[in-house]
């Protein structure tokens, strides 16, 4: 199983890393990055635990990871990560207009 990231998800991860590093330091940023990576791989292995979110878009799922929400869809051989917004954001409003590529 593999994890693919959209350009928006890559940007989200970069911003999460930058903010965490600036706020809590490099060690915490590395721990958060490791936890996020582990969760993305876990999603590939556990499709029965995916939570569908048709309110965002058909075929889109979400799963929490610490203070963020992983927004993704299944794809051949794994998952495609669409975005990783903070839990306090209005996820539905923020993602409805996103280009999923």
C-alpha atoms as a PDB file:
ATOM      1  CA  UNK A   1       0.000   0.000   0.000  1.00  0.00           C
ATOM      2  CA  UNK A   2       1.222   3.483  -0.710  1.00  0.00           C
ATOM      3  CA  UNK A   3       0.470   7.047   0.293  1.00  0.00           C
ATOM      4  CA  UNK A   4       0.252   9.784  -2.339  1.00  0.00           C
ATOM      5  CA  UNK A   5       0.042  13.463  -1.413  1.00  0.00           C
ATOM      6  CA  UNK A   6      -1.519  16.247  -3.451  1.00  0.00           C
ATOM      7  CA  UNK A   7       0.377  19.513  -3.784  1.00  0.00           C
ATOM      8  CA  UNK A   8      -2.007  21.060  -1.244  1.00  0.00           C
ATOM      9  CA  UNK A   9      -1.323  18.273   1.270  1.00  0.00           C
ATOM     10  CA  UNK A  10       2.427  18.749   0.794  1.00  0.00           C
ATOM     11  CA  UNK A  11       1.955  22.466   1.476  1.00  0.00           C
ATOM     12  CA  UNK A  12      -0.119  21.674   4.583  1.00  0.00           C
ATOM     13  CA  UNK A  13       2.591  19.357   5.931  1.00  0.00           C
ATOM     14  CA  UNK A  14       5.273  21.974   5.308  1.00  0.00           C
ATOM     15  CA  UNK A  15       3.223  24.581   7.191  1.00  0.00           C
ATOM     16  CA  UNK A  16       2.545  22.181  10.072  1.00  0.00           C
ATOM     17  CA  UNK A  17       6.276  21.457  10.300  1.00  0.00           C
ATOM     18  CA  UNK A  18       7.253  25.123  10.165  1.00  0.00           C
ATOM     19  CA  UNK A  19       4.725  26.164  12.808  1.00  0.00           C
ATOM     20  CA  UNK A  20       5.605  23.286  15.131  1.00  0.00           C
ATOM     21  CA  UNK A  21       9.344  23.937  14.796  1.00  0.00           C
ATOM     22  CA  UNK A  22       8.956  27.681  15.441  1.00  0.00           C
ATOM     23  CA  UNK A  23       6.557  27.191  18.356  1.00  0.00           C
ATOM     24  CA  UNK A  24       7.833  24.076  20.145  1.00  0.00           C
ATOM     25  CA  UNK A  25      11.225  23.325  18.622  1.00  0.00           C
ATOM     26  CA  UNK A  26      12.828  20.854  16.254  1.00  0.00           C
ATOM     27  CA  UNK A  27      12.467  17.810  18.526  1.00  0.00           C
ATOM     28  CA  UNK A  28       8.696  18.252  18.783  1.00  0.00           C
ATOM     29  CA  UNK A  29       8.461  18.873  15.025  1.00  0.00           C
ATOM     30  CA  UNK A  30      10.249  15.565  14.399  1.00  0.00           C
ATOM     31  CA  UNK A  31       7.904  13.709  16.774  1.00  0.00           C
ATOM     32  CA  UNK A  32       4.834  15.219  15.117  1.00  0.00           C
ATOM     33  CA  UNK A  33       6.184  14.371  11.648  1.00  0.00           C
ATOM     34  CA  UNK A  34       6.833  10.772  12.728  1.00  0.00           C
ATOM     35  CA  UNK A  35       3.324  10.454  14.195  1.00  0.00           C
ATOM     36  CA  UNK A  36       1.761  11.861  11.021  1.00  0.00           C
ATOM     37  CA  UNK A  37       3.786   9.518   8.808  1.00  0.00           C
ATOM     38  CA  UNK A  38       2.757   6.531  10.935  1.00  0.00           C
ATOM     39  CA  UNK A  39      -0.919   7.570  10.745  1.00  0.00           C
ATOM     40  CA  UNK A  40      -0.803   7.915   6.950  1.00  0.00           C
ATOM     41  CA  UNK A  41       0.608   4.392   6.623  1.00  0.00           C
ATOM     42  CA  UNK A  42      -1.964   3.119   9.139  1.00  0.00           C
ATOM     43  CA  UNK A  43      -4.778   4.527   6.981  1.00  0.00           C
ATOM     44  CA  UNK A  44      -3.600   2.370   4.073  1.00  0.00           C
ATOM     45  CA  UNK A  45      -3.858  -0.757   6.204  1.00  0.00           C
ATOM     46  CA  UNK A  46      -7.231   0.016   7.837  1.00  0.00           C
ATOM     47  CA  UNK A  47      -9.867   0.992   5.262  1.00  0.00           C
ATOM     48  CA  UNK A  48     -12.637  -0.420   7.461  1.00  0.00           C
ATOM     49  CA  UNK A  49     -11.988   2.479   9.879  1.00  0.00           C
ATOM     50  CA  UNK A  50     -12.265   5.242   7.296  1.00  0.00           C
ATOM     51  CA  UNK A  51     -15.026   7.789   7.946  1.00  0.00           C
ATOM     52  CA  UNK A  52     -16.728   8.850   4.733  1.00  0.00           C
ATOM     53  CA  UNK A  53     -17.482  12.569   4.358  1.00  0.00           C
ATOM     54  CA  UNK A  54     -19.998  13.112   1.535  1.00  0.00           C
ATOM     55  CA  UNK A  55     -20.597  16.590   2.998  1.00  0.00           C
ATOM     56  CA  UNK A  56     -17.165  17.476   1.616  1.00  0.00           C
ATOM     57  CA  UNK A  57     -17.233  15.420  -1.598  1.00  0.00           C
ATOM     58  CA  UNK A  58     -18.251  11.896  -2.622  1.00  0.00           C
ATOM     59  CA  UNK A  59     -15.517   9.357  -1.965  1.00  0.00           C
ATOM     60  CA  UNK A  60     -13.704  11.580   0.550  1.00  0.00           C
ATOM     61  CA  UNK A  61     -12.806  10.388   4.048  1.00  0.00           C
ATOM     62  CA  UNK A  62     -11.323  12.001   7.155  1.00  0.00           C
ATOM     63  CA  UNK A  63      -9.345  10.786  10.116  1.00  0.00           C
ATOM     64  CA  UNK A  64      -7.955  12.824  13.039  1.00  0.00           C
ATOM     65  CA  UNK A  65      -4.273  12.947  13.919  1.00  0.00           C
ATOM     66  CA  UNK A  66      -3.496  14.972  17.010  1.00  0.00           C
ATOM     67  CA  UNK A  67      -4.735  18.523  16.236  1.00  0.00           C
ATOM     68  CA  UNK A  68      -5.170  17.988  12.493  1.00  0.00           C
ATOM     69  CA  UNK A  69      -7.628  16.182  10.255  1.00  0.00           C
ATOM     70  CA  UNK A  70      -6.345  14.050   7.402  1.00  0.00           C
ATOM     71  CA  UNK A  71      -8.634  14.417   4.386  1.00  0.00           C
ATOM     72  CA  UNK A  72      -8.137  11.647   1.844  1.00  0.00           C
ATOM     73  CA  UNK A  73      -9.617   9.267  -0.663  1.00  0.00           C
ATOM     74  CA  UNK A  74      -8.838   5.717  -1.616  1.00  0.00           C
ATOM     75  CA  UNK A  75      -6.818   5.180  -4.742  1.00  0.00           C
ATOM     76  CA  UNK A  76      -5.345   2.193  -6.494  1.00  0.00           C
ATOM     77  CA  UNK A  77      -2.877   0.630  -4.094  1.00  0.00           C
ATOM     78  CA  UNK A  78      -3.402   2.985  -1.148  1.00  0.00           C
ATOM     79  CA  UNK A  79      -4.638   6.446  -0.233  1.00  0.00           C
ATOM     80  CA  UNK A  80      -4.332   9.908  -1.711  1.00  0.00           C
ATOM     81  CA  UNK A  81      -4.027  12.642   0.900  1.00  0.00           C
ATOM     82  CA  UNK A  82      -5.945  15.727  -0.220  1.00  0.00           C
ATOM     83  CA  UNK A  83      -5.388  18.128   2.695  1.00  0.00           C
ATOM     84  CA  UNK A  84      -4.383  18.171   6.367  1.00  0.00           C
ATOM     85  CA  UNK A  85      -6.157  21.140   7.971  1.00  0.00           C
ATOM     86  CA  UNK A  86      -6.097  22.064  11.650  1.00  0.00           C
ATOM     87  CA  UNK A  87      -9.007  20.666  13.678  1.00  0.00           C
ATOM     88  CA  UNK A  88     -10.341  24.166  14.414  1.00  0.00           C
ATOM     89  CA  UNK A  89     -10.817  25.041  10.752  1.00  0.00           C
ATOM     90  CA  UNK A  90     -14.192  24.772   9.062  1.00  0.00           C
ATOM     91  CA  UNK A  91     -13.113  21.761   7.047  1.00  0.00           C
ATOM     92  CA  UNK A  92     -16.233  21.488   4.892  1.00  0.00           C
ATOM     93  CA  UNK A  93     -16.160  25.130   3.822  1.00  0.00           C
ATOM     94  CA  UNK A  94     -12.413  25.137   3.331  1.00  0.00           C
ATOM     95  CA  UNK A  95     -12.325  21.986   1.174  1.00  0.00           C
ATOM     96  CA  UNK A  96     -15.474  22.263  -0.938  1.00  0.00           C
ATOM     97  CA  UNK A  97     -13.729  24.464  -3.482  1.00  0.00           C
ATOM     98  CA  UNK A  98     -10.349  22.702  -3.486  1.00  0.00           C
ATOM     99  CA  UNK A  99      -9.197  21.079  -6.689  1.00  0.00           C
ATOM    100  CA  UNK A 100      -8.607  17.459  -5.555  1.00  0.00           C
ATOM    101  CA  UNK A 101      -5.491  17.011  -7.718  1.00  0.00           C
END
